[in-house]
Amino acid sequence: RSRRGLYNGKDIRTGNNLSFSMKHTKRTFKPNVFIKRVYSEILDEMVRFHLTTSTLRTIDKLGGLDNYILTSK
């Protein structure tokens, strides 16, 4: 899978489904990714990104997309 977008460290994880009879079957846990337009003050325009919900919450917490990009590792 292409890693284009802001995923805030989230990745595809693997685990098990667990039925009532305690039978384990493999499954994957995918991050909640969606396409969102976010305003950039430096560029003075809306920029389209693939984001996770945790990334969007972090952008709001830090006060905008530009602050998120400057403080992210």
PDB file of N, CA and C in Angstrom:
ATOM      1  N   ARG A   1       0.841  -1.177   0.000  1.00  0.00           N
ATOM      2  CA  ARG A   1       0.000   0.000   0.000  1.00  0.00           C
ATOM      3  C   ARG A   1       0.885   1.240   0.000  1.00  0.00           C
ATOM      4  N   SER A   2       0.518   2.178  -0.799  1.00  0.00           N
ATOM      5  CA  SER A   2       1.297   3.407  -0.873  1.00  0.00           C
ATOM      6  C   SER A   2       1.115   4.232   0.394  1.00  0.00           C
ATOM      7  N   ARG A   3       2.190   4.822   0.888  1.00  0.00           N
ATOM      8  CA  ARG A   3       2.136   5.600   2.129  1.00  0.00           C
ATOM      9  C   ARG A   3       2.041   7.093   1.820  1.00  0.00           C
ATOM     10  N   ARG A   4       1.163   7.481   0.909  1.00  0.00           N
ATOM     11  CA  ARG A   4       0.959   8.889   0.619  1.00  0.00           C
ATOM     12  C   ARG A   4      -0.108   9.415   1.559  1.00  0.00           C
ATOM     13  N   GLY A   5       0.246  10.386   2.359  1.00  0.00           N
ATOM     14  CA  GLY A   5      -0.719  10.982   3.262  1.00  0.00           C
ATOM     15  C   GLY A   5      -0.142  11.153   4.654  1.00  0.00           C
ATOM     16  N   LEU A   6      -0.966  11.693   5.545  1.00  0.00           N
ATOM     17  CA  LEU A   6      -0.563  11.934   6.923  1.00  0.00           C
ATOM     18  C   LEU A   6      -1.240  10.899   7.799  1.00  0.00           C
ATOM     19  N   TYR A   7      -0.466   9.903   8.258  1.00  0.00           N
ATOM     20  CA  TYR A   7      -1.036   8.803   9.034  1.00  0.00           C
ATOM     21  C   TYR A   7      -0.678   8.854  10.508  1.00  0.00           C
ATOM     22  N   ASN A   8       0.160   9.821  10.929  1.00  0.00           N
ATOM     23  CA  ASN A   8       0.461  10.030  12.349  1.00  0.00           C
ATOM     24  C   ASN A   8       1.001   8.766  13.018  1.00  0.00           C
ATOM     25  N   GLY A   9       1.802   7.990  12.296  1.00  0.00           N
ATOM     26  CA  GLY A   9       2.399   6.794  12.877  1.00  0.00           C
ATOM     27  C   GLY A   9       1.512   5.563  12.850  1.00  0.00           C
ATOM     28  N   LYS A  10       0.303   5.669  12.340  1.00  0.00           N
ATOM     29  CA  LYS A  10      -0.599   4.523  12.283  1.00  0.00           C
ATOM     30  C   LYS A  10      -0.208   3.639  11.106  1.00  0.00           C
ATOM     31  N   ASP A  11      -0.419   2.341  11.270  1.00  0.00           N
ATOM     32  CA  ASP A  11      -0.032   1.391  10.245  1.00  0.00           C
ATOM     33  C   ASP A  11      -1.018   0.231  10.267  1.00  0.00           C
ATOM     34  N   ILE A  12      -0.963  -0.630   9.260  1.00  0.00           N
ATOM     35  CA  ILE A  12      -1.807  -1.822   9.240  1.00  0.00           C
ATOM     36  C   ILE A  12      -1.262  -2.812  10.256  1.00  0.00           C
ATOM     37  N   ARG A  13      -2.128  -3.278  11.147  1.00  0.00           N
ATOM     38  CA  ARG A  13      -1.741  -4.241  12.182  1.00  0.00           C
ATOM     39  C   ARG A  13      -2.451  -5.558  11.908  1.00  0.00           C
ATOM     40  N   THR A  14      -1.913  -6.645  12.431  1.00  0.00           N
ATOM     41  CA  THR A  14      -2.558  -7.940  12.290  1.00  0.00           C
ATOM     42  C   THR A  14      -2.974  -8.446  13.659  1.00  0.00           C
ATOM     43  N   GLY A  15      -3.982  -9.297  13.650  1.00  0.00           N
ATOM     44  CA  GLY A  15      -4.476  -9.869  14.898  1.00  0.00           C
ATOM     45  C   GLY A  15      -5.400 -11.027  14.593  1.00  0.00           C
ATOM     46  N   ASN A  16      -6.273 -11.321  15.532  1.00  0.00           N
ATOM     47  CA  ASN A  16      -7.191 -12.444  15.387  1.00  0.00           C
ATOM     48  C   ASN A  16      -8.622 -12.015  15.650  1.00  0.00           C
ATOM     49  N   ASN A  17      -9.556 -12.595  14.870  1.00  0.00           N
ATOM     50  CA  ASN A  17     -10.956 -12.579  15.256  1.00  0.00           C
ATOM     51  C   ASN A  17     -11.137 -13.705  16.254  1.00  0.00           C
ATOM     52  N   LEU A  18     -12.003 -13.513  17.223  1.00  0.00           N
ATOM     53  CA  LEU A  18     -12.216 -14.514  18.254  1.00  0.00           C
ATOM     54  C   LEU A  18     -13.709 -14.807  18.322  1.00  0.00           C
ATOM     55  N   SER A  19     -14.095 -16.013  17.901  1.00  0.00           N
ATOM     56  CA  SER A  19     -15.505 -16.373  17.889  1.00  0.00           C
ATOM     57  C   SER A  19     -15.964 -16.803  19.281  1.00  0.00           C
ATOM     58  N   PHE A  20     -17.254 -17.050  19.414  1.00  0.00           N
ATOM     59  CA  PHE A  20     -17.817 -17.481  20.696  1.00  0.00           C
ATOM     60  C   PHE A  20     -17.196 -18.797  21.152  1.00  0.00           C
ATOM     61  N   SER A  21     -16.853 -19.664  20.187  1.00  0.00           N
ATOM     62  CA  SER A  21     -16.231 -20.947  20.524  1.00  0.00           C
ATOM     63  C   SER A  21     -14.715 -20.820  20.708  1.00  0.00           C
ATOM     64  N   MET A  22     -14.214 -19.567  20.788  1.00  0.00           N
ATOM     65  CA  MET A  22     -12.797 -19.261  21.007  1.00  0.00           C
ATOM     66  C   MET A  22     -11.897 -19.702  19.850  1.00  0.00           C
ATOM     67  N   LYS A  23     -12.459 -19.815  18.648  1.00  0.00           N
ATOM     68  CA  LYS A  23     -11.665 -20.137  17.468  1.00  0.00           C
ATOM     69  C   LYS A  23     -11.012 -18.851  16.955  1.00  0.00           C
ATOM     70  N   HIS A  24      -9.711 -18.903  16.696  1.00  0.00           N
ATOM     71  CA  HIS A  24      -8.964 -17.744  16.224  1.00  0.00           C
ATOM     72  C   HIS A  24      -8.839 -17.789  14.704  1.00  0.00           C
ATOM     73  N   THR A  25      -9.158 -16.693  14.041  1.00  0.00           N
ATOM     74  CA  THR A  25      -8.920 -16.546  12.608  1.00  0.00           C
ATOM     75  C   THR A  25      -8.193 -15.225  12.385  1.00  0.00           C
ATOM     76  N   LYS A  26      -7.222 -15.252  11.496  1.00  0.00           N
ATOM     77  CA  LYS A  26      -6.400 -14.070  11.250  1.00  0.00           C
ATOM     78  C   LYS A  26      -7.220 -12.952  10.619  1.00  0.00           C
ATOM     79  N   ARG A  27      -6.860 -11.707  10.945  1.00  0.00           N
ATOM     80  CA  ARG A  27      -7.481 -10.533  10.357  1.00  0.00           C
ATOM     81  C   ARG A  27      -6.500  -9.381  10.388  1.00  0.00           C
ATOM     82  N   THR A  28      -6.830  -8.294   9.676  1.00  0.00           N
ATOM     83  CA  THR A  28      -6.000  -7.094   9.690  1.00  0.00           C
ATOM     84  C   THR A  28      -6.810  -5.937  10.259  1.00  0.00           C
ATOM     85  N   PHE A  29      -6.124  -5.052  10.955  1.00  0.00           N
ATOM     86  CA  PHE A  29      -6.715  -3.827  11.472  1.00  0.00           C
ATOM     87  C   PHE A  29      -6.143  -2.674  10.652  1.00  0.00           C
ATOM     88  N   LYS A  30      -6.987  -2.017   9.870  1.00  0.00           N
ATOM     89  CA  LYS A  30      -6.529  -0.930   9.011  1.00  0.00           C
ATOM     90  C   LYS A  30      -6.831   0.416   9.666  1.00  0.00           C
ATOM     91  N   PRO A  31      -5.971   1.410   9.472  1.00  0.00           N
ATOM     92  CA  PRO A  31      -6.243   2.728  10.042  1.00  0.00           C
ATOM     93  C   PRO A  31      -7.438   3.379   9.354  1.00  0.00           C
ATOM     94  N   ASN A  32      -8.117   4.253  10.095  1.00  0.00           N
ATOM     95  CA  ASN A  32      -9.299   4.943   9.588  1.00  0.00           C
ATOM     96  C   ASN A  32      -8.843   6.112   8.719  1.00  0.00           C
ATOM     97  N   VAL A  33      -8.641   5.844   7.416  1.00  0.00           N
ATOM     98  CA  VAL A  33      -8.094   6.827   6.484  1.00  0.00           C
ATOM     99  C   VAL A  33      -9.217   7.392   5.625  1.00  0.00           C
ATOM    100  N   PHE A  34      -9.217   8.714   5.453  1.00  0.00           N
ATOM    101  CA  PHE A  34     -10.167   9.368   4.568  1.00  0.00           C
ATOM    102  C   PHE A  34      -9.478  10.549   3.907  1.00  0.00           C
ATOM    103  N   ILE A  35     -10.108  11.093   2.872  1.00  0.00           N
ATOM    104  CA  ILE A  35      -9.549  12.224   2.137  1.00  0.00           C
ATOM    105  C   ILE A  35     -10.184  13.495   2.677  1.00  0.00           C
ATOM    106  N   LYS A  36      -9.348  14.471   3.022  1.00  0.00           N
ATOM    107  CA  LYS A  36      -9.837  15.708   3.631  1.00  0.00           C
ATOM    108  C   LYS A  36      -9.054  16.879   3.070  1.00  0.00           C
ATOM    109  N   ARG A  37      -9.735  18.006   2.883  1.00  0.00           N
ATOM    110  CA  ARG A  37      -9.068  19.235   2.477  1.00  0.00           C
ATOM    111  C   ARG A  37      -8.783  20.047   3.729  1.00  0.00           C
ATOM    112  N   VAL A  38      -7.522  20.438   3.906  1.00  0.00           N
ATOM    113  CA  VAL A  38      -7.083  21.170   5.090  1.00  0.00           C
ATOM    114  C   VAL A  38      -6.443  22.475   4.629  1.00  0.00           C
ATOM    115  N   TYR A  39      -6.716  23.560   5.360  1.00  0.00           N
ATOM    116  CA  TYR A  39      -6.193  24.873   4.989  1.00  0.00           C
ATOM    117  C   TYR A  39      -4.762  25.046   5.484  1.00  0.00           C
ATOM    118  N   SER A  40      -3.893  25.527   4.602  1.00  0.00           N
ATOM    119  CA  SER A  40      -2.514  25.848   4.953  1.00  0.00           C
ATOM    120  C   SER A  40      -2.347  27.362   4.903  1.00  0.00           C
ATOM    121  N   GLU A  41      -1.927  27.962   6.036  1.00  0.00           N
ATOM    122  CA  GLU A  41      -1.731  29.412   6.081  1.00  0.00           C
ATOM    123  C   GLU A  41      -0.510  29.833   5.273  1.00  0.00           C
ATOM    124  N   ILE A  42       0.523  29.007   5.260  1.00  0.00           N
ATOM    125  CA  ILE A  42       1.741  29.353   4.522  1.00  0.00           C
ATOM    126  C   ILE A  42       1.475  29.369   3.015  1.00  0.00           C
ATOM    127  N   LEU A  43       0.777  28.364   2.516  1.00  0.00           N
ATOM    128  CA  LEU A  43       0.455  28.302   1.088  1.00  0.00           C
ATOM    129  C   LEU A  43      -0.761  29.147   0.740  1.00  0.00           C
ATOM    130  N   ASP A  44      -1.559  29.522   1.745  1.00  0.00           N
ATOM    131  CA  ASP A  44      -2.784  30.305   1.587  1.00  0.00           C
ATOM    132  C   ASP A  44      -3.777  29.613   0.650  1.00  0.00           C
ATOM    133  N   GLU A  45      -3.918  28.293   0.815  1.00  0.00           N
ATOM    134  CA  GLU A  45      -4.887  27.542   0.020  1.00  0.00           C
ATOM    135  C   GLU A  45      -5.230  26.236   0.721  1.00  0.00           C
ATOM    136  N   MET A  46      -6.281  25.603   0.239  1.00  0.00           N
ATOM    137  CA  MET A  46      -6.693  24.306   0.761  1.00  0.00           C
ATOM    138  C   MET A  46      -5.841  23.222   0.099  1.00  0.00           C
ATOM    139  N   VAL A  47      -5.362  22.274   0.910  1.00  0.00           N
ATOM    140  CA  VAL A  47      -4.525  21.180   0.420  1.00  0.00           C
ATOM    141  C   VAL A  47      -5.247  19.876   0.719  1.00  0.00           C
ATOM    142  N   ARG A  48      -5.271  18.971  -0.261  1.00  0.00           N
ATOM    143  CA  ARG A  48      -5.987  17.703  -0.126  1.00  0.00           C
ATOM    144  C   ARG A  48      -5.027  16.624   0.354  1.00  0.00           C
ATOM    145  N   PHE A  49      -5.415  15.912   1.439  1.00  0.00           N
ATOM    146  CA  PHE A  49      -4.566  14.881   2.024  1.00  0.00           C
ATOM    147  C   PHE A  49      -5.369  13.633   2.327  1.00  0.00           C
ATOM    148  N   HIS A  50      -4.670  12.502   2.383  1.00  0.00           N
ATOM    149  CA  HIS A  50      -5.204  11.300   3.010  1.00  0.00           C
ATOM    150  C   HIS A  50      -4.843  11.411   4.482  1.00  0.00           C
ATOM    151  N   LEU A  51      -5.849  11.418   5.360  1.00  0.00           N
ATOM    152  CA  LEU A  51      -5.630  11.610   6.792  1.00  0.00           C
ATOM    153  C   LEU A  51      -6.259  10.484   7.581  1.00  0.00           C
ATOM    154  N   THR A  52      -5.724  10.240   8.767  1.00  0.00           N
ATOM    155  CA  THR A  52      -6.416   9.399   9.737  1.00  0.00           C
ATOM    156  C   THR A  52      -7.124  10.323  10.718  1.00  0.00           C
ATOM    157  N   THR A  53      -8.065   9.771  11.470  1.00  0.00           N
ATOM    158  CA  THR A  53      -8.803  10.584  12.430  1.00  0.00           C
ATOM    159  C   THR A  53      -7.881  11.112  13.518  1.00  0.00           C
ATOM    160  N   SER A  54      -6.902  10.319  13.932  1.00  0.00           N
ATOM    161  CA  SER A  54      -5.978  10.792  14.965  1.00  0.00           C
ATOM    162  C   SER A  54      -5.118  11.943  14.443  1.00  0.00           C
ATOM    163  N   THR A  55      -4.766  11.924  13.163  1.00  0.00           N
ATOM    164  CA  THR A  55      -4.005  13.023  12.578  1.00  0.00           C
ATOM    165  C   THR A  55      -4.829  14.297  12.571  1.00  0.00           C
ATOM    166  N   LEU A  56      -6.105  14.189  12.217  1.00  0.00           N
ATOM    167  CA  LEU A  56      -6.974  15.361  12.185  1.00  0.00           C
ATOM    168  C   LEU A  56      -7.131  15.960  13.578  1.00  0.00           C
ATOM    169  N   ARG A  57      -7.262  15.118  14.595  1.00  0.00           N
ATOM    170  CA  ARG A  57      -7.359  15.610  15.972  1.00  0.00           C
ATOM    171  C   ARG A  57      -6.064  16.293  16.397  1.00  0.00           C
ATOM    172  N   THR A  58      -4.921  15.759  15.978  1.00  0.00           N
ATOM    173  CA  THR A  58      -3.636  16.364  16.314  1.00  0.00           C
ATOM    174  C   THR A  58      -3.462  17.704  15.611  1.00  0.00           C
ATOM    175  N   ILE A  59      -3.909  17.810  14.358  1.00  0.00           N
ATOM    176  CA  ILE A  59      -3.845  19.079  13.627  1.00  0.00           C
ATOM    177  C   ILE A  59      -4.674  20.134  14.347  1.00  0.00           C
ATOM    178  N   ASP A  60      -5.876  19.778  14.793  1.00  0.00           N
ATOM    179  CA  ASP A  60      -6.716  20.714  15.543  1.00  0.00           C
ATOM    180  C   ASP A  60      -6.049  21.118  16.854  1.00  0.00           C
ATOM    181  N   LYS A  61      -5.442  20.165  17.529  1.00  0.00           N
ATOM    182  CA  LYS A  61      -4.798  20.424  18.821  1.00  0.00           C
ATOM    183  C   LYS A  61      -3.614  21.384  18.682  1.00  0.00           C
ATOM    184  N   LEU A  62      -2.835  21.232  17.614  1.00  0.00           N
ATOM    185  CA  LEU A  62      -1.648  22.064  17.421  1.00  0.00           C
ATOM    186  C   LEU A  62      -1.956  23.400  16.753  1.00  0.00           C
ATOM    187  N   GLY A  63      -3.181  23.604  16.305  1.00  0.00           N
ATOM    188  CA  GLY A  63      -3.556  24.901  15.758  1.00  0.00           C
ATOM    189  C   GLY A  63      -3.386  25.045  14.264  1.00  0.00           C
ATOM    190  N   GLY A  64      -3.392  23.967  13.524  1.00  0.00           N
ATOM    191  CA  GLY A  64      -3.351  24.073  12.074  1.00  0.00           C
ATOM    192  C   GLY A  64      -2.366  23.112  11.434  1.00  0.00           C
ATOM    193  N   LEU A  65      -2.510  22.974  10.127  1.00  0.00           N
ATOM    194  CA  LEU A  65      -1.679  22.054   9.350  1.00  0.00           C
ATOM    195  C   LEU A  65      -0.205  22.447   9.399  1.00  0.00           C
ATOM    196  N   ASP A  66       0.078  23.746   9.300  1.00  0.00           N
ATOM    197  CA  ASP A  66       1.469  24.197   9.261  1.00  0.00           C
ATOM    198  C   ASP A  66       2.197  23.867  10.563  1.00  0.00           C
ATOM    199  N   ASN A  67       1.542  24.073  11.702  1.00  0.00           N
ATOM    200  CA  ASN A  67       2.155  23.735  12.991  1.00  0.00           C
ATOM    201  C   ASN A  67       2.353  22.234  13.122  1.00  0.00           C
ATOM    202  N   TYR A  68       1.414  21.441  12.595  1.00  0.00           N
ATOM    203  CA  TYR A  68       1.557  19.979  12.645  1.00  0.00           C
ATOM    204  C   TYR A  68       2.786  19.526  11.857  1.00  0.00           C
ATOM    205  N   ILE A  69       2.960  20.072  10.664  1.00  0.00           N
ATOM    206  CA  ILE A  69       4.090  19.673   9.825  1.00  0.00           C
ATOM    207  C   ILE A  69       5.415  20.123  10.441  1.00  0.00           C
ATOM    208  N   LEU A  70       5.429  21.302  11.050  1.00  0.00           N
ATOM    209  CA  LEU A  70       6.667  21.796  11.666  1.00  0.00           C
ATOM    210  C   LEU A  70       7.057  21.004  12.906  1.00  0.00           C
ATOM    211  N   THR A  71       6.073  20.484  13.657  1.00  0.00           N
ATOM    212  CA  THR A  71       6.388  19.772  14.896  1.00  0.00           C
ATOM    213  C   THR A  71       6.449  18.265  14.731  1.00  0.00           C
ATOM    214  N   SER A  72       5.989  17.718  13.602  1.00  0.00           N
ATOM    215  CA  SER A  72       6.019  16.265  13.427  1.00  0.00           C
ATOM    216  C   SER A  72       7.438  15.809  13.120  1.00  0.00           C
ATOM    217  N   LYS A  73       7.719  14.552  13.467  1.00  0.00           N
ATOM    218  CA  LYS A  73       9.066  14.011  13.289  1.00  0.00           C
ATOM    219  C   LYS A  73       9.279  13.531  11.878  1.00  0.00           C
TER     220      LYS A  73
END
